[in-house]
Amino acid sequence: MKTIFNSFISVFVLWAVIVTAWLVGLYYNLFFAIWWYDIPLHFLGGMWTLLLARYVYRRSGLEIQGGGNKIALFIFFIFLVSMANKFSRNRSFNYWKKQVNKKSKYYKKIVRLHDFFPKESLKVLREKRLNDLDLSKKRWTSLTSKQKHKRILALEILRRMRREESLSFACEQVGLNQSEALIYLGKAIRKKSSRWIANKTDSIQRAIQIYEKGKIVTIIINKSRYASLIGSYYNAVKNYLLTGDSSYLTPFKDKIIIDIYGKKHRLEFNPEAVRDIEESKEDAEVYEVYSDE
């Protein structure tokens, strides 16, 4: 037995085992699917290094004296080689990304799911459904009251990100954790060089209150440009109320907003009607543009 471990056969067989396990790991994405898969390979690599060194020593006529020294050398080689290149989970994921077709739906699904659950293995991510985790596409009327509230918070995060705030900072300020923000914003944001970037536009449905025909009306829209227009309108209303200058409302005279049902809406631009609406509100200080109804 001792002769076998000192022979070239042992060096070759162990090398073949390591290479085979490595190729199998690449083929089946085991380095990502099983986060510890690379550790035994590094350990075996340390053993292979020791066997190769012993074989070379003996072929060269050299000999390491002292059993204690041999054991110490054995432990040192295994520790050094097995731990020096140990993969972290993130590196395993990055390595997996290089092996997969980046244009495939499978690749895009796993990458997106990994954004939601960065600590999960490939096996766990495969079992998840992306549609169940992307609430940005869900119709407003299909959301629960709690989900509507969180979507409103997520839209505020999106607004802040478009003003160059980071996702983490915006989440902290709004009071919604990052995982939930990703779920509610979906493809309205994207990752670029490890940083989350907000797209200029989105199609997330939201209920929003407008002034129309002398009263407050709640409509559901799915275009961010309409939300921006309504935001500009309320700023104009505020300026009109502060200054009394009705020209602030004039630019909105011909503006049309189309809701998700195809119905057209016109913003109230009559100064007297706007002031009547403002005076009729129970508490103007806490008036919310977005509605959770």
Protein backbone atom coordinates (compact mmCIF):
# COMPACT_ATOMS: atom_id res chain seq x y z
CA MET A 1 0.00 0.00 0.00
CA LYS A 2 2.82 2.36 0.89
CA THR A 3 4.46 1.67 -2.48
CA ILE A 4 1.26 2.56 -4.34
CA PHE A 5 1.02 5.98 -2.70
CA ASN A 6 4.64 6.67 -3.61
CA SER A 7 4.13 5.72 -7.28
CA PHE A 8 3.30 7.71 -10.36
CA ILE A 9 0.02 5.78 -10.61
CA SER A 10 -1.28 7.42 -7.42
CA VAL A 11 -0.32 10.84 -8.74
CA PHE A 12 -2.06 10.21 -12.08
CA VAL A 13 -5.20 8.61 -10.60
CA LEU A 14 -5.76 11.43 -8.12
CA TRP A 15 -5.16 13.99 -10.88
CA ALA A 16 -7.76 12.20 -13.06
CA VAL A 17 -10.28 12.21 -10.19
CA ILE A 18 -9.80 15.95 -9.62
CA VAL A 19 -10.09 16.82 -13.31
CA THR A 20 -13.18 14.63 -13.73
CA ALA A 21 -14.90 16.21 -10.72
CA TRP A 22 -13.95 19.66 -12.00
CA LEU A 23 -15.39 18.97 -15.48
CA VAL A 24 -18.58 17.50 -13.99
CA GLY A 25 -18.91 20.60 -11.81
CA LEU A 26 -18.61 22.85 -14.84
CA TYR A 27 -21.06 20.84 -16.94
CA TYR A 28 -23.76 20.73 -14.27
CA ASN A 29 -23.01 24.19 -12.77
CA LEU A 30 -22.21 22.54 -9.44
CA PHE A 31 -19.82 25.31 -8.39
CA PHE A 32 -22.87 27.58 -8.15
CA ALA A 33 -25.52 25.00 -7.30
CA ILE A 34 -23.52 23.59 -4.36
CA TRP A 35 -21.57 26.42 -2.75
CA TRP A 36 -19.11 24.06 -0.99
CA TYR A 37 -18.45 21.89 -4.07
CA ASP A 38 -15.04 23.43 -4.71
CA ILE A 39 -13.73 22.86 -1.16
CA PRO A 40 -13.16 19.06 -1.50
CA LEU A 41 -11.50 19.70 -4.85
CA HIS A 42 -9.04 22.09 -3.25
CA PHE A 43 -8.42 19.59 -0.47
CA LEU A 44 -7.73 16.86 -3.04
CA GLY A 45 -5.55 19.32 -4.89
CA GLY A 46 -3.46 19.69 -1.75
CA MET A 47 -3.12 15.93 -1.44
CA TRP A 48 -2.15 15.67 -5.12
CA THR A 49 0.53 18.33 -4.63
CA LEU A 50 1.97 16.38 -1.72
CA LEU A 51 1.97 13.07 -3.67
CA LEU A 52 3.61 14.76 -6.64
CA ALA A 53 6.26 16.30 -4.38
CA ARG A 54 6.96 12.93 -2.70
CA TYR A 55 7.21 11.23 -6.10
CA VAL A 56 9.64 13.86 -7.42
CA TYR A 57 11.71 13.68 -4.21
CA ARG A 58 12.04 9.93 -4.46
CA ARG A 59 12.79 9.96 -8.20
CA SER A 60 15.48 12.55 -7.51
CA GLY A 61 16.97 10.49 -4.73
CA LEU A 62 15.89 12.95 -2.05
CA GLU A 63 14.28 12.00 1.22
CA ILE A 64 12.50 14.01 3.89
CA GLN A 65 13.71 12.88 7.28
CA GLY A 66 11.50 12.62 10.37
CA GLY A 67 7.89 11.43 10.59
CA GLY A 68 6.84 14.65 12.33
CA ASN A 69 8.21 16.74 9.51
CA LYS A 70 6.33 14.64 6.97
CA ILE A 71 3.04 15.09 8.80
CA ALA A 72 3.63 18.82 9.14
CA LEU A 73 4.48 19.08 5.46
CA PHE A 74 1.36 17.08 4.59
CA ILE A 75 -0.91 19.39 6.61
CA PHE A 76 0.82 22.50 5.30
CA PHE A 77 0.44 21.55 1.65
CA ILE A 78 -3.21 20.56 1.99
CA PHE A 79 -4.11 23.73 3.90
CA LEU A 80 -2.18 26.02 1.57
CA VAL A 81 -3.48 24.63 -1.71
CA SER A 82 -7.06 23.93 -0.60
CA MET A 83 -7.68 27.32 0.97
CA ALA A 84 -5.65 29.65 -1.25
CA ASN A 85 -8.18 29.66 -4.09
CA LYS A 86 -11.36 28.90 -2.16
CA PHE A 87 -14.39 30.25 -4.02
CA SER A 88 -16.81 32.51 -2.27
CA ARG A 89 -20.52 32.17 -3.20
CA ASN A 90 -20.40 35.35 -5.20
CA ARG A 91 -17.36 34.23 -7.14
CA SER A 92 -19.07 30.93 -7.85
CA PHE A 93 -22.05 32.84 -9.23
CA ASN A 94 -19.83 35.07 -11.35
CA TYR A 95 -18.01 32.00 -12.65
CA TRP A 96 -21.36 30.40 -13.54
CA LYS A 97 -22.39 33.52 -15.45
CA LYS A 98 -19.39 33.14 -17.75
CA GLN A 99 -20.37 29.59 -18.70
CA VAL A 100 -24.01 30.28 -19.66
CA ASN A 101 -25.48 31.86 -22.79
CA LYS A 102 -26.23 35.43 -21.70
CA LYS A 103 -28.98 35.79 -24.29
CA SER A 104 -31.01 32.86 -23.00
CA LYS A 105 -34.17 33.29 -20.94
CA TYR A 106 -32.72 30.87 -18.41
CA TYR A 107 -29.71 33.13 -17.82
CA LYS A 108 -31.85 36.26 -17.45
CA LYS A 109 -34.22 34.49 -15.04
CA ILE A 110 -31.46 33.20 -12.75
CA VAL A 111 -29.61 36.52 -12.72
CA ARG A 112 -32.79 38.37 -11.80
CA LEU A 113 -33.65 35.86 -9.08
CA HIS A 114 -30.11 36.10 -7.75
CA ASP A 115 -30.67 39.84 -7.33
CA PHE A 116 -33.63 39.04 -5.09
CA PHE A 117 -31.89 36.21 -3.21
CA PRO A 118 -28.09 36.65 -3.47
CA LYS A 119 -27.37 33.94 -0.87
CA GLU A 120 -29.44 31.15 -2.41
CA SER A 121 -27.98 28.29 -4.47
CA LEU A 122 -28.79 27.64 -8.11
CA LYS A 123 -30.98 24.69 -7.16
CA VAL A 124 -33.18 26.91 -4.96
CA LEU A 125 -33.37 29.66 -7.60
CA ARG A 126 -34.40 27.17 -10.28
CA GLU A 127 -37.45 26.21 -8.23
CA LYS A 128 -38.65 29.79 -7.89
CA ARG A 129 -40.93 31.51 -10.37
CA LEU A 130 -39.89 34.98 -11.44
CA ASN A 131 -43.49 36.06 -12.08
CA ASP A 132 -44.35 35.37 -8.44
CA LEU A 133 -41.63 37.78 -7.39
CA ASP A 134 -42.32 40.59 -9.85
CA LEU A 135 -45.34 42.49 -8.58
CA SER A 136 -44.63 45.44 -10.85
CA LYS A 137 -46.68 43.80 -13.62
CA LYS A 138 -49.66 43.04 -11.42
CA ARG A 139 -52.75 45.14 -12.07
CA TRP A 140 -53.50 47.78 -9.47
CA THR A 141 -56.98 46.40 -8.84
CA SER A 142 -55.53 42.92 -8.17
CA LEU A 143 -53.27 44.12 -5.34
CA THR A 144 -54.20 43.83 -1.69
CA SER A 145 -54.34 46.99 0.45
CA LYS A 146 -50.94 46.15 1.91
CA GLN A 147 -49.45 45.56 -1.54
CA LYS A 148 -50.88 48.85 -2.82
CA HIS A 149 -49.24 50.69 0.05
CA LYS A 150 -45.88 49.05 -0.66
CA ARG A 151 -46.15 49.82 -4.37
CA ILE A 152 -46.67 53.48 -3.51
CA LEU A 153 -43.53 53.37 -1.36
CA ALA A 154 -41.64 51.63 -4.16
CA LEU A 155 -42.70 54.34 -6.63
CA GLU A 156 -41.36 56.97 -4.25
CA ILE A 157 -38.06 55.06 -4.20
CA LEU A 158 -38.11 55.05 -7.99
CA ARG A 159 -38.69 58.80 -8.05
CA ARG A 160 -35.73 59.36 -5.72
CA MET A 161 -33.48 57.09 -7.78
CA ARG A 162 -34.28 59.17 -10.86
CA ARG A 163 -32.89 62.08 -8.88
CA GLU A 164 -29.58 60.21 -8.51
CA GLU A 165 -30.19 58.69 -5.07
CA SER A 166 -28.87 55.16 -4.58
CA LEU A 167 -31.31 52.30 -4.13
CA SER A 168 -30.09 51.54 -0.60
CA PHE A 169 -30.32 55.18 0.51
CA ALA A 170 -33.77 55.67 -1.07
CA CYS A 171 -35.04 52.50 0.62
CA GLU A 172 -33.73 53.69 3.96
CA GLN A 173 -35.39 57.08 3.58
CA VAL A 174 -38.75 55.68 2.43
CA GLY A 175 -38.86 52.77 4.87
CA LEU A 176 -39.02 49.80 2.50
CA ASN A 177 -36.34 47.11 2.44
CA GLN A 178 -34.38 46.58 -0.76
CA SER A 179 -35.70 43.09 -1.51
CA GLU A 180 -39.29 44.33 -1.46
CA ALA A 181 -38.38 47.35 -3.57
CA LEU A 182 -36.95 45.05 -6.23
CA ILE A 183 -40.11 42.96 -6.21
CA TYR A 184 -42.41 45.96 -6.63
CA LEU A 185 -40.26 47.83 -9.17
CA GLY A 186 -39.40 44.89 -11.42
CA LYS A 187 -37.74 46.00 -14.65
CA ALA A 188 -38.22 49.68 -13.86
CA ILE A 189 -34.70 49.49 -12.46
CA ARG A 190 -31.65 47.65 -13.76
CA LYS A 191 -28.22 46.75 -12.50
CA LYS A 192 -25.22 48.41 -14.12
CA SER A 193 -21.70 47.75 -12.83
CA SER A 194 -23.03 46.51 -9.45
CA ARG A 195 -25.15 49.66 -9.05
CA TRP A 196 -28.94 49.82 -9.44
CA ILE A 197 -30.09 52.39 -12.00
CA ALA A 198 -33.66 53.65 -12.52
CA ASN A 199 -35.01 53.60 -16.06
CA LYS A 200 -36.28 56.92 -17.35
CA THR A 201 -39.80 55.57 -17.82
CA ASP A 202 -41.92 52.72 -16.48
CA SER A 203 -45.33 51.13 -17.04
CA ILE A 204 -46.24 50.30 -13.44
CA GLN A 205 -49.93 50.84 -12.70
CA ARG A 206 -50.73 53.34 -9.94
CA ALA A 207 -53.86 55.07 -8.69
CA ILE A 208 -53.47 58.82 -8.62
CA GLN A 209 -55.76 61.71 -7.72
CA ILE A 210 -56.30 64.61 -10.08
CA TYR A 211 -58.40 67.77 -10.21
CA GLU A 212 -60.96 67.38 -12.99
CA LYS A 213 -64.22 69.22 -13.69
CA GLY A 214 -64.22 70.96 -10.33
CA LYS A 215 -63.61 67.88 -8.15
CA ILE A 216 -61.01 65.34 -7.05
CA VAL A 217 -61.03 62.20 -9.21
CA THR A 218 -59.00 59.02 -8.75
CA ILE A 219 -57.70 57.43 -11.93
CA ILE A 220 -55.39 54.50 -12.65
CA ILE A 221 -52.52 55.13 -15.05
CA ASN A 222 -49.64 52.99 -16.26
CA LYS A 223 -47.34 55.55 -17.81
CA SER A 224 -44.74 57.36 -15.74
CA ARG A 225 -44.91 60.39 -18.04
CA TYR A 226 -48.50 60.96 -16.93
CA ALA A 227 -47.39 60.75 -13.31
CA SER A 228 -44.69 63.35 -14.02
CA LEU A 229 -47.24 65.60 -15.73
CA ILE A 230 -49.57 65.37 -12.75
CA GLY A 231 -46.67 66.13 -10.42
CA SER A 232 -45.84 69.25 -12.44
CA TYR A 233 -49.51 70.20 -12.35
CA TYR A 234 -49.63 70.11 -8.55
CA ASN A 235 -46.52 72.25 -8.38
CA ALA A 236 -48.28 74.76 -10.62
CA VAL A 237 -51.35 74.66 -8.37
CA LYS A 238 -49.14 75.33 -5.36
CA ASN A 239 -47.51 78.30 -7.07
CA TYR A 240 -50.89 79.68 -8.11
CA LEU A 241 -52.22 79.47 -4.55
CA LEU A 242 -49.11 81.20 -3.20
CA THR A 243 -48.98 84.00 -5.76
CA GLY A 244 -52.50 84.27 -7.15
CA ASP A 245 -51.02 84.17 -10.64
CA SER A 246 -53.31 81.95 -12.71
CA SER A 247 -50.79 81.79 -15.58
CA TYR A 248 -49.17 78.86 -13.75
CA LEU A 249 -52.21 76.76 -14.71
CA THR A 250 -52.36 77.83 -18.37
CA PRO A 251 -49.79 75.29 -19.73
CA PHE A 252 -52.08 72.44 -18.61
CA LYS A 253 -55.11 73.65 -20.57
CA ASP A 254 -54.56 71.25 -23.47
CA LYS A 255 -52.93 68.39 -21.62
CA ILE A 256 -54.67 65.01 -21.84
CA ILE A 257 -54.15 62.00 -19.59
CA ILE A 258 -55.35 58.56 -20.68
CA ASP A 259 -56.05 56.00 -17.98
CA ILE A 260 -55.65 52.20 -18.26
CA TYR A 261 -59.19 51.90 -19.58
CA GLY A 262 -58.54 54.28 -22.45
CA LYS A 263 -60.60 57.12 -20.94
CA LYS A 264 -59.27 60.64 -21.50
CA HIS A 265 -58.94 63.12 -18.64
CA ARG A 266 -58.23 66.84 -18.61
CA LEU A 267 -56.67 68.60 -15.65
CA GLU A 268 -58.66 71.43 -14.11
CA PHE A 269 -57.14 74.76 -15.20
CA ASN A 270 -59.92 77.12 -14.13
CA PRO A 271 -58.43 79.19 -11.26
CA GLU A 272 -61.70 79.52 -9.34
CA ALA A 273 -62.46 75.80 -9.64
CA VAL A 274 -58.96 74.94 -8.40
CA ARG A 275 -59.33 77.21 -5.41
CA ASP A 276 -62.76 75.74 -4.61
CA ILE A 277 -61.28 72.24 -4.67
CA GLU A 278 -58.47 73.29 -2.37
CA GLU A 279 -60.89 74.86 0.09
CA SER A 280 -63.10 71.78 0.06
CA LYS A 281 -60.33 69.41 1.09
CA GLU A 282 -60.62 68.35 4.70
CA ASP A 283 -56.89 68.54 5.40
CA ALA A 284 -54.74 70.06 2.70
CA GLU A 285 -51.57 69.47 4.72
CA VAL A 286 -51.83 65.69 4.47
CA TYR A 287 -53.30 65.46 0.97
CA GLU A 288 -51.80 62.51 -0.91
CA VAL A 289 -51.46 62.49 -4.69
CA TYR A 290 -51.23 58.71 -4.83
CA SER A 291 -54.30 56.79 -3.74
CA ASP A 292 -54.33 53.34 -2.12
CA GLU A 293 -57.97 52.74 -3.08
